[in-house]
Amino acid sequence: LVRLKKYADAERVLQAAIKANGSGAVAYYYLGRALIGLARPDEALAALTTAVKIGGADVVEAHRMLGSIYLDRHDDKNAIKELDEYLALNPNATDANKLRQIIAQLKKVQ
């Protein structure tokens, strides 16, 4: 449903899945994506943070999404932390060089 951009439907299904078994990082990750699609970044931040805390290889992208939320909030310290973590876990990302440039610019400002 998230991939089909049916974010409201996805949110409902994912909330039910989390209620049934709240230990799945992937459900929290996709809930975060759905909430971003619904323009609810505060709730997305909480869901993605939970996904990262639970961990696993399936939620590497959650770090990138958290970095983007923090960038939008001008929270440079946390943006750097999340983007660095994303690149550590996925050093060959297609936009890795661009992300490294963003991180370098943010570090200059601090």
PDB file of N, CA and C in Angstrom:
ATOM      1  N   LEU A   1       0.819  -1.205   0.000  1.00  0.00           N
ATOM      2  CA  LEU A   1       0.000   0.000   0.000  1.00  0.00           C
ATOM      3  C   LEU A   1       0.855   1.257   0.000  1.00  0.00           C
ATOM      4  N   VAL A   2       1.963   1.231   0.722  1.00  0.00           N
ATOM      5  CA  VAL A   2       2.857   2.394   0.722  1.00  0.00           C
ATOM      6  C   VAL A   2       3.425   2.600  -0.672  1.00  0.00           C
ATOM      7  N   ARG A   3       3.865   1.537  -1.295  1.00  0.00           N
ATOM      8  CA  ARG A   3       4.431   1.642  -2.640  1.00  0.00           C
ATOM      9  C   ARG A   3       3.402   2.121  -3.657  1.00  0.00           C
ATOM     10  N   LEU A   4       2.135   1.854  -3.392  1.00  0.00           N
ATOM     11  CA  LEU A   4       1.056   2.319  -4.263  1.00  0.00           C
ATOM     12  C   LEU A   4       0.590   3.730  -3.892  1.00  0.00           C
ATOM     13  N   LYS A   5       1.230   4.294  -2.868  1.00  0.00           N
ATOM     14  CA  LYS A   5       0.912   5.640  -2.363  1.00  0.00           C
ATOM     15  C   LYS A   5      -0.502   5.732  -1.797  1.00  0.00           C
ATOM     16  N   LYS A   6      -0.978   4.621  -1.271  1.00  0.00           N
ATOM     17  CA  LYS A   6      -2.256   4.597  -0.569  1.00  0.00           C
ATOM     18  C   LYS A   6      -1.948   4.703   0.927  1.00  0.00           C
ATOM     19  N   TYR A   7      -1.477   5.883   1.300  1.00  0.00           N
ATOM     20  CA  TYR A   7      -0.897   6.079   2.628  1.00  0.00           C
ATOM     21  C   TYR A   7      -1.908   5.918   3.770  1.00  0.00           C
ATOM     22  N   ALA A   8      -3.123   6.420   3.603  1.00  0.00           N
ATOM     23  CA  ALA A   8      -4.117   6.284   4.673  1.00  0.00           C
ATOM     24  C   ALA A   8      -4.468   4.820   4.898  1.00  0.00           C
ATOM     25  N   ASP A   9      -4.647   4.074   3.823  1.00  0.00           N
ATOM     26  CA  ASP A   9      -4.924   2.637   3.949  1.00  0.00           C
ATOM     27  C   ASP A   9      -3.728   1.915   4.576  1.00  0.00           C
ATOM     28  N   ALA A  10      -2.543   2.290   4.146  1.00  0.00           N
ATOM     29  CA  ALA A  10      -1.329   1.674   4.691  1.00  0.00           C
ATOM     30  C   ALA A  10      -1.205   1.959   6.177  1.00  0.00           C
ATOM     31  N   GLU A  11      -1.482   3.190   6.569  1.00  0.00           N
ATOM     32  CA  GLU A  11      -1.379   3.521   7.995  1.00  0.00           C
ATOM     33  C   GLU A  11      -2.300   2.632   8.825  1.00  0.00           C
ATOM     34  N   ARG A  12      -3.527   2.465   8.374  1.00  0.00           N
ATOM     35  CA  ARG A  12      -4.497   1.654   9.111  1.00  0.00           C
ATOM     36  C   ARG A  12      -4.007   0.206   9.247  1.00  0.00           C
ATOM     37  N   VAL A  13      -3.535  -0.377   8.159  1.00  0.00           N
ATOM     38  CA  VAL A  13      -3.065  -1.759   8.171  1.00  0.00           C
ATOM     39  C   VAL A  13      -1.819  -1.896   9.047  1.00  0.00           C
ATOM     40  N   LEU A  14      -0.905  -0.949   8.924  1.00  0.00           N
ATOM     41  CA  LEU A  14       0.340  -1.031   9.689  1.00  0.00           C
ATOM     42  C   LEU A  14       0.107  -0.816  11.183  1.00  0.00           C
ATOM     43  N   GLN A  15      -0.798   0.083  11.522  1.00  0.00           N
ATOM     44  CA  GLN A  15      -1.123   0.276  12.946  1.00  0.00           C
ATOM     45  C   GLN A  15      -1.700  -1.023  13.525  1.00  0.00           C
ATOM     46  N   ALA A  16      -2.536  -1.695  12.754  1.00  0.00           N
ATOM     47  CA  ALA A  16      -3.095  -2.968  13.222  1.00  0.00           C
ATOM     48  C   ALA A  16      -1.996  -4.014  13.372  1.00  0.00           C
ATOM     49  N   ALA A  17      -1.065  -4.054  12.426  1.00  0.00           N
ATOM     50  CA  ALA A  17       0.042  -5.021  12.500  1.00  0.00           C
ATOM     51  C   ALA A  17       0.911  -4.744  13.721  1.00  0.00           C
ATOM     52  N   ILE A  18       1.164  -3.481  13.986  1.00  0.00           N
ATOM     53  CA  ILE A  18       1.988  -3.117  15.145  1.00  0.00           C
ATOM     54  C   ILE A  18       1.257  -3.461  16.439  1.00  0.00           C
ATOM     55  N   LYS A  19      -0.043  -3.237  16.456  1.00  0.00           N
ATOM     56  CA  LYS A  19      -0.829  -3.572  17.646  1.00  0.00           C
ATOM     57  C   LYS A  19      -0.784  -5.085  17.904  1.00  0.00           C
ATOM     58  N   ALA A  20      -0.838  -5.867  16.840  1.00  0.00           N
ATOM     59  CA  ALA A  20      -0.801  -7.329  16.969  1.00  0.00           C
ATOM     60  C   ALA A  20       0.585  -7.834  17.361  1.00  0.00           C
ATOM     61  N   ASN A  21       1.641  -7.201  16.835  1.00  0.00           N
ATOM     62  CA  ASN A  21       3.017  -7.619  17.112  1.00  0.00           C
ATOM     63  C   ASN A  21       3.916  -6.402  16.980  1.00  0.00           C
ATOM     64  N   GLY A  22       4.129  -5.703  18.074  1.00  0.00           N
ATOM     65  CA  GLY A  22       4.877  -4.451  18.062  1.00  0.00           C
ATOM     66  C   GLY A  22       6.376  -4.592  17.994  1.00  0.00           C
ATOM     67  N   SER A  23       6.879  -5.773  17.674  1.00  0.00           N
ATOM     68  CA  SER A  23       8.329  -5.946  17.673  1.00  0.00           C
ATOM     69  C   SER A  23       8.926  -5.942  16.270  1.00  0.00           C
ATOM     70  N   GLY A  24       8.122  -5.666  15.262  1.00  0.00           N
ATOM     71  CA  GLY A  24       8.610  -5.719  13.889  1.00  0.00           C
ATOM     72  C   GLY A  24       9.113  -4.373  13.392  1.00  0.00           C
ATOM     73  N   ALA A  25      10.404  -4.268  13.159  1.00  0.00           N
ATOM     74  CA  ALA A  25      11.000  -3.019  12.691  1.00  0.00           C
ATOM     75  C   ALA A  25      10.469  -2.614  11.328  1.00  0.00           C
ATOM     76  N   VAL A  26      10.219  -3.565  10.467  1.00  0.00           N
ATOM     77  CA  VAL A  26       9.766  -3.263   9.111  1.00  0.00           C
ATOM     78  C   VAL A  26       8.401  -2.584   9.138  1.00  0.00           C
ATOM     79  N   ALA A  27       7.513  -3.021  10.013  1.00  0.00           N
ATOM     80  CA  ALA A  27       6.195  -2.388  10.125  1.00  0.00           C
ATOM     81  C   ALA A  27       6.339  -0.925  10.539  1.00  0.00           C
ATOM     82  N   TYR A  28       7.215  -0.654  11.488  1.00  0.00           N
ATOM     83  CA  TYR A  28       7.441   0.734  11.913  1.00  0.00           C
ATOM     84  C   TYR A  28       8.073   1.561  10.789  1.00  0.00           C
ATOM     85  N   TYR A  29       8.977   0.949  10.049  1.00  0.00           N
ATOM     86  CA  TYR A  29       9.605   1.639   8.920  1.00  0.00           C
ATOM     87  C   TYR A  29       8.554   2.045   7.882  1.00  0.00           C
ATOM     88  N   TYR A  30       7.722   1.087   7.488  1.00  0.00           N
ATOM     89  CA  TYR A  30       6.691   1.403   6.495  1.00  0.00           C
ATOM     90  C   TYR A  30       5.641   2.353   7.049  1.00  0.00           C
ATOM     91  N   LEU A  31       5.358   2.273   8.337  1.00  0.00           N
ATOM     92  CA  LEU A  31       4.451   3.243   8.948  1.00  0.00           C
ATOM     93  C   LEU A  31       5.057   4.641   8.842  1.00  0.00           C
ATOM     94  N   GLY A  32       6.349   4.749   9.109  1.00  0.00           N
ATOM     95  CA  GLY A  32       7.026   6.041   8.958  1.00  0.00           C
ATOM     96  C   GLY A  32       6.915   6.577   7.544  1.00  0.00           C
ATOM     97  N   ARG A  33       7.117   5.700   6.575  1.00  0.00           N
ATOM     98  CA  ARG A  33       6.982   6.118   5.162  1.00  0.00           C
ATOM     99  C   ARG A  33       5.565   6.583   4.864  1.00  0.00           C
ATOM    100  N   ALA A  34       4.570   5.848   5.362  1.00  0.00           N
ATOM    101  CA  ALA A  34       3.177   6.239   5.138  1.00  0.00           C
ATOM    102  C   ALA A  34       2.885   7.594   5.773  1.00  0.00           C
ATOM    103  N   LEU A  35       3.383   7.803   6.972  1.00  0.00           N
ATOM    104  CA  LEU A  35       3.139   9.066   7.667  1.00  0.00           C
ATOM    105  C   LEU A  35       3.830  10.236   6.972  1.00  0.00           C
ATOM    106  N   ILE A  36       4.991   9.993   6.386  1.00  0.00           N
ATOM    107  CA  ILE A  36       5.631  11.035   5.583  1.00  0.00           C
ATOM    108  C   ILE A  36       4.738  11.361   4.387  1.00  0.00           C
ATOM    109  N   GLY A  37       4.201  10.332   3.756  1.00  0.00           N
ATOM    110  CA  GLY A  37       3.299  10.531   2.636  1.00  0.00           C
ATOM    111  C   GLY A  37       2.037  11.288   3.020  1.00  0.00           C
ATOM    112  N   LEU A  38       1.639  11.169   4.276  1.00  0.00           N
ATOM    113  CA  LEU A  38       0.459  11.880   4.785  1.00  0.00           C
ATOM    114  C   LEU A  38       0.827  13.243   5.375  1.00  0.00           C
ATOM    115  N   ALA A  39       2.080  13.656   5.203  1.00  0.00           N
ATOM    116  CA  ALA A  39       2.574  14.951   5.702  1.00  0.00           C
ATOM    117  C   ALA A  39       2.416  15.065   7.218  1.00  0.00           C
ATOM    118  N   ARG A  40       2.811  13.994   7.919  1.00  0.00           N
ATOM    119  CA  ARG A  40       2.779  13.970   9.382  1.00  0.00           C
ATOM    120  C   ARG A  40       4.175  13.608   9.893  1.00  0.00           C
ATOM    121  N   PRO A  41       5.132  14.544   9.724  1.00  0.00           N
ATOM    122  CA  PRO A  41       6.525  14.238  10.043  1.00  0.00           C
ATOM    123  C   PRO A  41       6.801  13.939  11.512  1.00  0.00           C
ATOM    124  N   ASP A  42       6.048  14.527  12.431  1.00  0.00           N
ATOM    125  CA  ASP A  42       6.289  14.246  13.850  1.00  0.00           C
ATOM    126  C   ASP A  42       6.025  12.774  14.165  1.00  0.00           C
ATOM    127  N   GLU A  43       4.918  12.264  13.652  1.00  0.00           N
ATOM    128  CA  GLU A  43       4.587  10.863  13.869  1.00  0.00           C
ATOM    129  C   GLU A  43       5.536   9.941  13.097  1.00  0.00           C
ATOM    130  N   ALA A  44       5.937  10.389  11.894  1.00  0.00           N
ATOM    131  CA  ALA A  44       6.897   9.611  11.098  1.00  0.00           C
ATOM    132  C   ALA A  44       8.219   9.499  11.842  1.00  0.00           C
ATOM    133  N   LEU A  45       8.649  10.585  12.453  1.00  0.00           N
ATOM    134  CA  LEU A  45       9.888  10.586  13.226  1.00  0.00           C
ATOM    135  C   LEU A  45       9.835   9.529  14.325  1.00  0.00           C
ATOM    136  N   ALA A  46       8.721   9.468  15.032  1.00  0.00           N
ATOM    137  CA  ALA A  46       8.579   8.487  16.111  1.00  0.00           C
ATOM    138  C   ALA A  46       8.604   7.060  15.565  1.00  0.00           C
ATOM    139  N   ALA A  47       7.887   6.812  14.481  1.00  0.00           N
ATOM    140  CA  ALA A  47       7.842   5.464  13.905  1.00  0.00           C
ATOM    141  C   ALA A  47       9.211   5.045  13.383  1.00  0.00           C
ATOM    142  N   LEU A  48       9.885   5.932  12.671  1.00  0.00           N
ATOM    143  CA  LEU A  48      11.200   5.604  12.114  1.00  0.00           C
ATOM    144  C   LEU A  48      12.243   5.419  13.208  1.00  0.00           C
ATOM    145  N   THR A  49      12.150   6.212  14.253  1.00  0.00           N
ATOM    146  CA  THR A  49      13.064   6.064  15.392  1.00  0.00           C
ATOM    147  C   THR A  49      12.871   4.696  16.048  1.00  0.00           C
ATOM    148  N   THR A  50      11.632   4.270  16.169  1.00  0.00           N
ATOM    149  CA  THR A  50      11.352   2.943  16.729  1.00  0.00           C
ATOM    150  C   THR A  50      11.921   1.856  15.826  1.00  0.00           C
ATOM    151  N   ALA A  51      11.754   2.011  14.519  1.00  0.00           N
ATOM    152  CA  ALA A  51      12.305   1.028  13.575  1.00  0.00           C
ATOM    153  C   ALA A  51      13.811   0.903  13.751  1.00  0.00           C
ATOM    154  N   VAL A  52      14.489   2.031  13.879  1.00  0.00           N
ATOM    155  CA  VAL A  52      15.947   2.034  14.036  1.00  0.00           C
ATOM    156  C   VAL A  52      16.344   1.391  15.366  1.00  0.00           C
ATOM    157  N   LYS A  53      15.594   1.671  16.416  1.00  0.00           N
ATOM    158  CA  LYS A  53      15.899   1.076  17.725  1.00  0.00           C
ATOM    159  C   LYS A  53      15.756  -0.440  17.698  1.00  0.00           C
ATOM    160  N   ILE A  54      14.724  -0.931  17.009  1.00  0.00           N
ATOM    161  CA  ILE A  54      14.541  -2.377  16.890  1.00  0.00           C
ATOM    162  C   ILE A  54      15.664  -2.956  16.037  1.00  0.00           C
ATOM    163  N   GLY A  55      15.986  -2.245  14.963  1.00  0.00           N
ATOM    164  CA  GLY A  55      17.137  -2.588  14.140  1.00  0.00           C
ATOM    165  C   GLY A  55      16.891  -3.652  13.098  1.00  0.00           C
ATOM    166  N   GLY A  56      17.970  -3.966  12.406  1.00  0.00           N
ATOM    167  CA  GLY A  56      17.928  -4.966  11.357  1.00  0.00           C
ATOM    168  C   GLY A  56      18.292  -4.375  10.013  1.00  0.00           C
ATOM    169  N   ALA A  57      18.719  -5.237   9.130  1.00  0.00           N
ATOM    170  CA  ALA A  57      19.160  -4.814   7.799  1.00  0.00           C
ATOM    171  C   ALA A  57      18.031  -4.236   6.962  1.00  0.00           C
ATOM    172  N   ASP A  58      16.800  -4.579   7.281  1.00  0.00           N
ATOM    173  CA  ASP A  58      15.660  -4.125   6.487  1.00  0.00           C
ATOM    174  C   ASP A  58      15.300  -2.660   6.713  1.00  0.00           C
ATOM    175  N   VAL A  59      15.893  -2.020   7.693  1.00  0.00           N
ATOM    176  CA  VAL A  59      15.499  -0.645   8.007  1.00  0.00           C
ATOM    177  C   VAL A  59      16.634   0.364   7.824  1.00  0.00           C
ATOM    178  N   VAL A  60      17.635   0.017   7.048  1.00  0.00           N
ATOM    179  CA  VAL A  60      18.755   0.934   6.787  1.00  0.00           C
ATOM    180  C   VAL A  60      18.228   2.257   6.250  1.00  0.00           C
ATOM    181  N   GLU A  61      17.262   2.194   5.354  1.00  0.00           N
ATOM    182  CA  GLU A  61      16.701   3.397   4.735  1.00  0.00           C
ATOM    183  C   GLU A  61      16.037   4.321   5.765  1.00  0.00           C
ATOM    184  N   ALA A  62      15.642   3.779   6.910  1.00  0.00           N
ATOM    185  CA  ALA A  62      15.039   4.605   7.957  1.00  0.00           C
ATOM    186  C   ALA A  62      16.002   5.697   8.409  1.00  0.00           C
ATOM    187  N   HIS A  63      17.290   5.398   8.440  1.00  0.00           N
ATOM    188  CA  HIS A  63      18.275   6.416   8.825  1.00  0.00           C
ATOM    189  C   HIS A  63      18.266   7.572   7.840  1.00  0.00           C
ATOM    190  N   ARG A  64      18.165   7.252   6.563  1.00  0.00           N
ATOM    191  CA  ARG A  64      18.136   8.295   5.531  1.00  0.00           C
ATOM    192  C   ARG A  64      16.887   9.157   5.678  1.00  0.00           C
ATOM    193  N   MET A  65      15.761   8.512   5.926  1.00  0.00           N
ATOM    194  CA  MET A  65      14.508   9.244   6.087  1.00  0.00           C
ATOM    195  C   MET A  65      14.534  10.117   7.335  1.00  0.00           C
ATOM    196  N   LEU A  66      15.113   9.604   8.411  1.00  0.00           N
ATOM    197  CA  LEU A  66      15.268  10.415   9.616  1.00  0.00           C
ATOM    198  C   LEU A  66      16.168  11.612   9.332  1.00  0.00           C
ATOM    199  N   GLY A  67      17.246  11.382   8.588  1.00  0.00           N
ATOM    200  CA  GLY A  67      18.132  12.480   8.215  1.00  0.00           C
ATOM    201  C   GLY A  67      17.391  13.561   7.453  1.00  0.00           C
ATOM    202  N   SER A  68      16.514  13.169   6.563  1.00  0.00           N
ATOM    203  CA  SER A  68      15.727  14.138   5.790  1.00  0.00           C
ATOM    204  C   SER A  68      14.771  14.928   6.680  1.00  0.00           C
ATOM    205  N   ILE A  69      14.134  14.240   7.613  1.00  0.00           N
ATOM    206  CA  ILE A  69      13.232  14.944   8.541  1.00  0.00           C
ATOM    207  C   ILE A  69      14.024  15.960   9.354  1.00  0.00           C
ATOM    208  N   TYR A  70      15.177  15.540   9.869  1.00  0.00           N
ATOM    209  CA  TYR A  70      16.002  16.463  10.655  1.00  0.00           C
ATOM    210  C   TYR A  70      16.513  17.627   9.804  1.00  0.00           C
ATOM    211  N   LEU A  71      16.840  17.372   8.549  1.00  0.00           N
ATOM    212  CA  LEU A  71      17.245  18.466   7.654  1.00  0.00           C
ATOM    213  C   LEU A  71      16.123  19.481   7.512  1.00  0.00           C
ATOM    214  N   ASP A  72      14.909  19.003   7.321  1.00  0.00           N
ATOM    215  CA  ASP A  72      13.762  19.901   7.192  1.00  0.00           C
ATOM    216  C   ASP A  72      13.548  20.735   8.448  1.00  0.00           C
ATOM    217  N   ARG A  73      13.934  20.187   9.582  1.00  0.00           N
ATOM    218  CA  ARG A  73      13.767  20.876  10.874  1.00  0.00           C
ATOM    219  C   ARG A  73      14.980  21.736  11.241  1.00  0.00           C
ATOM    220  N   HIS A  74      15.971  21.732  10.377  1.00  0.00           N
ATOM    221  CA  HIS A  74      17.230  22.453  10.631  1.00  0.00           C
ATOM    222  C   HIS A  74      17.921  21.946  11.892  1.00  0.00           C
ATOM    223  N   ASP A  75      17.759  20.667  12.170  1.00  0.00           N
ATOM    224  CA  ASP A  75      18.423  19.999  13.287  1.00  0.00           C
ATOM    225  C   ASP A  75      19.672  19.327  12.708  1.00  0.00           C
ATOM    226  N   ASP A  76      20.700  20.145  12.494  1.00  0.00           N
ATOM    227  CA  ASP A  76      21.892  19.679  11.787  1.00  0.00           C
ATOM    228  C   ASP A  76      22.598  18.542  12.504  1.00  0.00           C
ATOM    229  N   LYS A  77      22.683  18.608  13.813  1.00  0.00           N
ATOM    230  CA  LYS A  77      23.398  17.577  14.575  1.00  0.00           C
ATOM    231  C   LYS A  77      22.788  16.197  14.332  1.00  0.00           C
ATOM    232  N   ASN A  78      21.473  16.091  14.455  1.00  0.00           N
ATOM    233  CA  ASN A  78      20.818  14.800  14.250  1.00  0.00           C
ATOM    234  C   ASN A  78      20.789  14.402  12.782  1.00  0.00           C
ATOM    235  N   ALA A  79      20.695  15.382  11.883  1.00  0.00           N
ATOM    236  CA  ALA A  79      20.744  15.073  10.451  1.00  0.00           C
ATOM    237  C   ALA A  79      22.083  14.440  10.101  1.00  0.00           C
ATOM    238  N   ILE A  80      23.158  15.026  10.592  1.00  0.00           N
ATOM    239  CA  ILE A  80      24.501  14.489  10.348  1.00  0.00           C
ATOM    240  C   ILE A  80      24.603  13.068  10.900  1.00  0.00           C
ATOM    241  N   LYS A  81      24.138  12.883  12.122  1.00  0.00           N
ATOM    242  CA  LYS A  81      24.215  11.568  12.771  1.00  0.00           C
ATOM    243  C   LYS A  81      23.487  10.503  11.941  1.00  0.00           C
ATOM    244  N   GLU A  82      22.278  10.799  11.511  1.00  0.00           N
ATOM    245  CA  GLU A  82      21.494   9.812  10.770  1.00  0.00           C
ATOM    246  C   GLU A  82      22.048   9.571   9.369  1.00  0.00           C
ATOM    247  N   LEU A  83      22.473  10.613   8.690  1.00  0.00           N
ATOM    248  CA  LEU A  83      23.029  10.438   7.345  1.00  0.00           C
ATOM    249  C   LEU A  83      24.368   9.704   7.397  1.00  0.00           C
ATOM    250  N   ASP A  84      25.174  10.006   8.406  1.00  0.00           N
ATOM    251  CA  ASP A  84      26.431   9.261   8.586  1.00  0.00           C
ATOM    252  C   ASP A  84      26.151   7.777   8.810  1.00  0.00           C
ATOM    253  N   GLU A  85      25.158   7.496   9.641  1.00  0.00           N
ATOM    254  CA  GLU A  85      24.798   6.101   9.924  1.00  0.00           C
ATOM    255  C   GLU A  85      24.295   5.414   8.649  1.00  0.00           C
ATOM    256  N   TYR A  86      23.479   6.108   7.890  1.00  0.00           N
ATOM    257  CA  TYR A  86      22.980   5.548   6.633  1.00  0.00           C
ATOM    258  C   TYR A  86      24.137   5.208   5.703  1.00  0.00           C
ATOM    259  N   LEU A  87      25.086   6.124   5.561  1.00  0.00           N
ATOM    260  CA  LEU A  87      26.220   5.884   4.665  1.00  0.00           C
ATOM    261  C   LEU A  87      27.145   4.790   5.189  1.00  0.00           C
ATOM    262  N   ALA A  88      27.246   4.665   6.504  1.00  0.00           N
ATOM    263  CA  ALA A  88      28.054   3.580   7.071  1.00  0.00           C
ATOM    264  C   ALA A  88      27.432   2.220   6.731  1.00  0.00           C
ATOM    265  N   LEU A  89      26.105   2.179   6.731  1.00  0.00           N
ATOM    266  CA  LEU A  89      25.400   0.931   6.443  1.00  0.00           C
ATOM    267  C   LEU A  89      25.203   0.688   4.951  1.00  0.00           C
ATOM    268  N   ASN A  90      25.238   1.765   4.168  1.00  0.00           N
ATOM    269  CA  ASN A  90      25.004   1.667   2.732  1.00  0.00           C
ATOM    270  C   ASN A  90      25.989   2.598   1.997  1.00  0.00           C
ATOM    271  N   PRO A  91      27.287   2.289   2.057  1.00  0.00           N
ATOM    272  CA  PRO A  91      28.299   3.201   1.496  1.00  0.00           C
ATOM    273  C   PRO A  91      28.219   3.370  -0.017  1.00  0.00           C
ATOM    274  N   ASN A  92      27.572   2.456  -0.697  1.00  0.00           N
ATOM    275  CA  ASN A  92      27.478   2.530  -2.156  1.00  0.00           C
ATOM    276  C   ASN A  92      26.110   3.018  -2.631  1.00  0.00           C
ATOM    277  N   ALA A  93      25.417   3.763  -1.786  1.00  0.00           N
ATOM    278  CA  ALA A  93      24.121   4.320  -2.181  1.00  0.00           C
ATOM    279  C   ALA A  93      24.298   5.153  -3.448  1.00  0.00           C
ATOM    280  N   THR A  94      23.286   5.176  -4.276  1.00  0.00           N
ATOM    281  CA  THR A  94      23.403   5.884  -5.559  1.00  0.00           C
ATOM    282  C   THR A  94      23.679   7.374  -5.375  1.00  0.00           C
ATOM    283  N   ASP A  95      23.226   7.945  -4.282  1.00  0.00           N
ATOM    284  CA  ASP A  95      23.463   9.370  -4.036  1.00  0.00           C
ATOM    285  C   ASP A  95      24.437   9.599  -2.881  1.00  0.00           C
ATOM    286  N   ALA A  96      25.310   8.638  -2.645  1.00  0.00           N
ATOM    287  CA  ALA A  96      26.247   8.725  -1.521  1.00  0.00           C
ATOM    288  C   ALA A  96      27.107   9.980  -1.586  1.00  0.00           C
ATOM    289  N   ASN A  97      27.610  10.324  -2.764  1.00  0.00           N
ATOM    290  CA  ASN A  97      28.453  11.518  -2.869  1.00  0.00           C
ATOM    291  C   ASN A  97      27.684  12.779  -2.526  1.00  0.00           C
ATOM    292  N   LYS A  98      26.448  12.870  -2.974  1.00  0.00           N
ATOM    293  CA  LYS A  98      25.614  14.032  -2.659  1.00  0.00           C
ATOM    294  C   LYS A  98      25.376  14.116  -1.151  1.00  0.00           C
ATOM    295  N   LEU A  99      25.093  12.983  -0.519  1.00  0.00           N
ATOM    296  CA  LEU A  99      24.871  12.969   0.923  1.00  0.00           C
ATOM    297  C   LEU A  99      26.134  13.362   1.683  1.00  0.00           C
ATOM    298  N   ARG A 100      27.279  12.911   1.201  1.00  0.00           N
ATOM    299  CA  ARG A 100      28.543  13.296   1.848  1.00  0.00           C
ATOM    300  C   ARG A 100      28.772  14.802   1.738  1.00  0.00           C
ATOM    301  N   GLN A 101      28.395  15.383   0.606  1.00  0.00           N
ATOM    302  CA  GLN A 101      28.516  16.832   0.435  1.00  0.00           C
ATOM    303  C   GLN A 101      27.590  17.572   1.394  1.00  0.00           C
ATOM    304  N   ILE A 102      26.372  17.072   1.548  1.00  0.00           N
ATOM    305  CA  ILE A 102      25.422  17.690   2.489  1.00  0.00           C
ATOM    306  C   ILE A 102      25.983  17.625   3.896  1.00  0.00           C
ATOM    307  N   ILE A 103      26.501  16.474   4.278  1.00  0.00           N
ATOM    308  CA  ILE A 103      27.081  16.316   5.616  1.00  0.00           C
ATOM    309  C   ILE A 103      28.239  17.290   5.809  1.00  0.00           C
ATOM    310  N   ALA A 104      29.114  17.396   4.826  1.00  0.00           N
ATOM    311  CA  ALA A 104      30.254  18.309   4.921  1.00  0.00           C
ATOM    312  C   ALA A 104      29.789  19.759   5.081  1.00  0.00           C
ATOM    313  N   GLN A 105      28.758  20.154   4.343  1.00  0.00           N
ATOM    314  CA  GLN A 105      28.235  21.511   4.459  1.00  0.00           C
ATOM    315  C   GLN A 105      27.637  21.751   5.850  1.00  0.00           C
ATOM    316  N   LEU A 106      26.916  20.770   6.359  1.00  0.00           N
ATOM    317  CA  LEU A 106      26.330  20.904   7.685  1.00  0.00           C
ATOM    318  C   LEU A 106      27.406  21.017   8.761  1.00  0.00           C
ATOM    319  N   LYS A 107      28.476  20.271   8.605  1.00  0.00           N
ATOM    320  CA  LYS A 107      29.561  20.318   9.595  1.00  0.00           C
ATOM    321  C   LYS A 107      30.276  21.669   9.567  1.00  0.00           C
ATOM    322  N   LYS A 108      30.360  22.308   8.404  1.00  0.00           N
ATOM    323  CA  LYS A 108      30.980  23.633   8.306  1.00  0.00           C
ATOM    324  C   LYS A 108      30.182  24.673   9.082  1.00  0.00           C
ATOM    325  N   VAL A 109      28.875  24.531   9.070  1.00  0.00           N
ATOM    326  CA  VAL A 109      27.987  25.503   9.715  1.00  0.00           C
ATOM    327  C   VAL A 109      28.068  25.386  11.242  1.00  0.00           C
ATOM    328  N   GLN A 110      28.314  24.195  11.719  1.00  0.00           N
ATOM    329  CA  GLN A 110      28.316  23.981  13.178  1.00  0.00           C
ATOM    330  C   GLN A 110      29.468  24.635  13.845  1.00  0.00           C
TER     331      GLN A 110
END
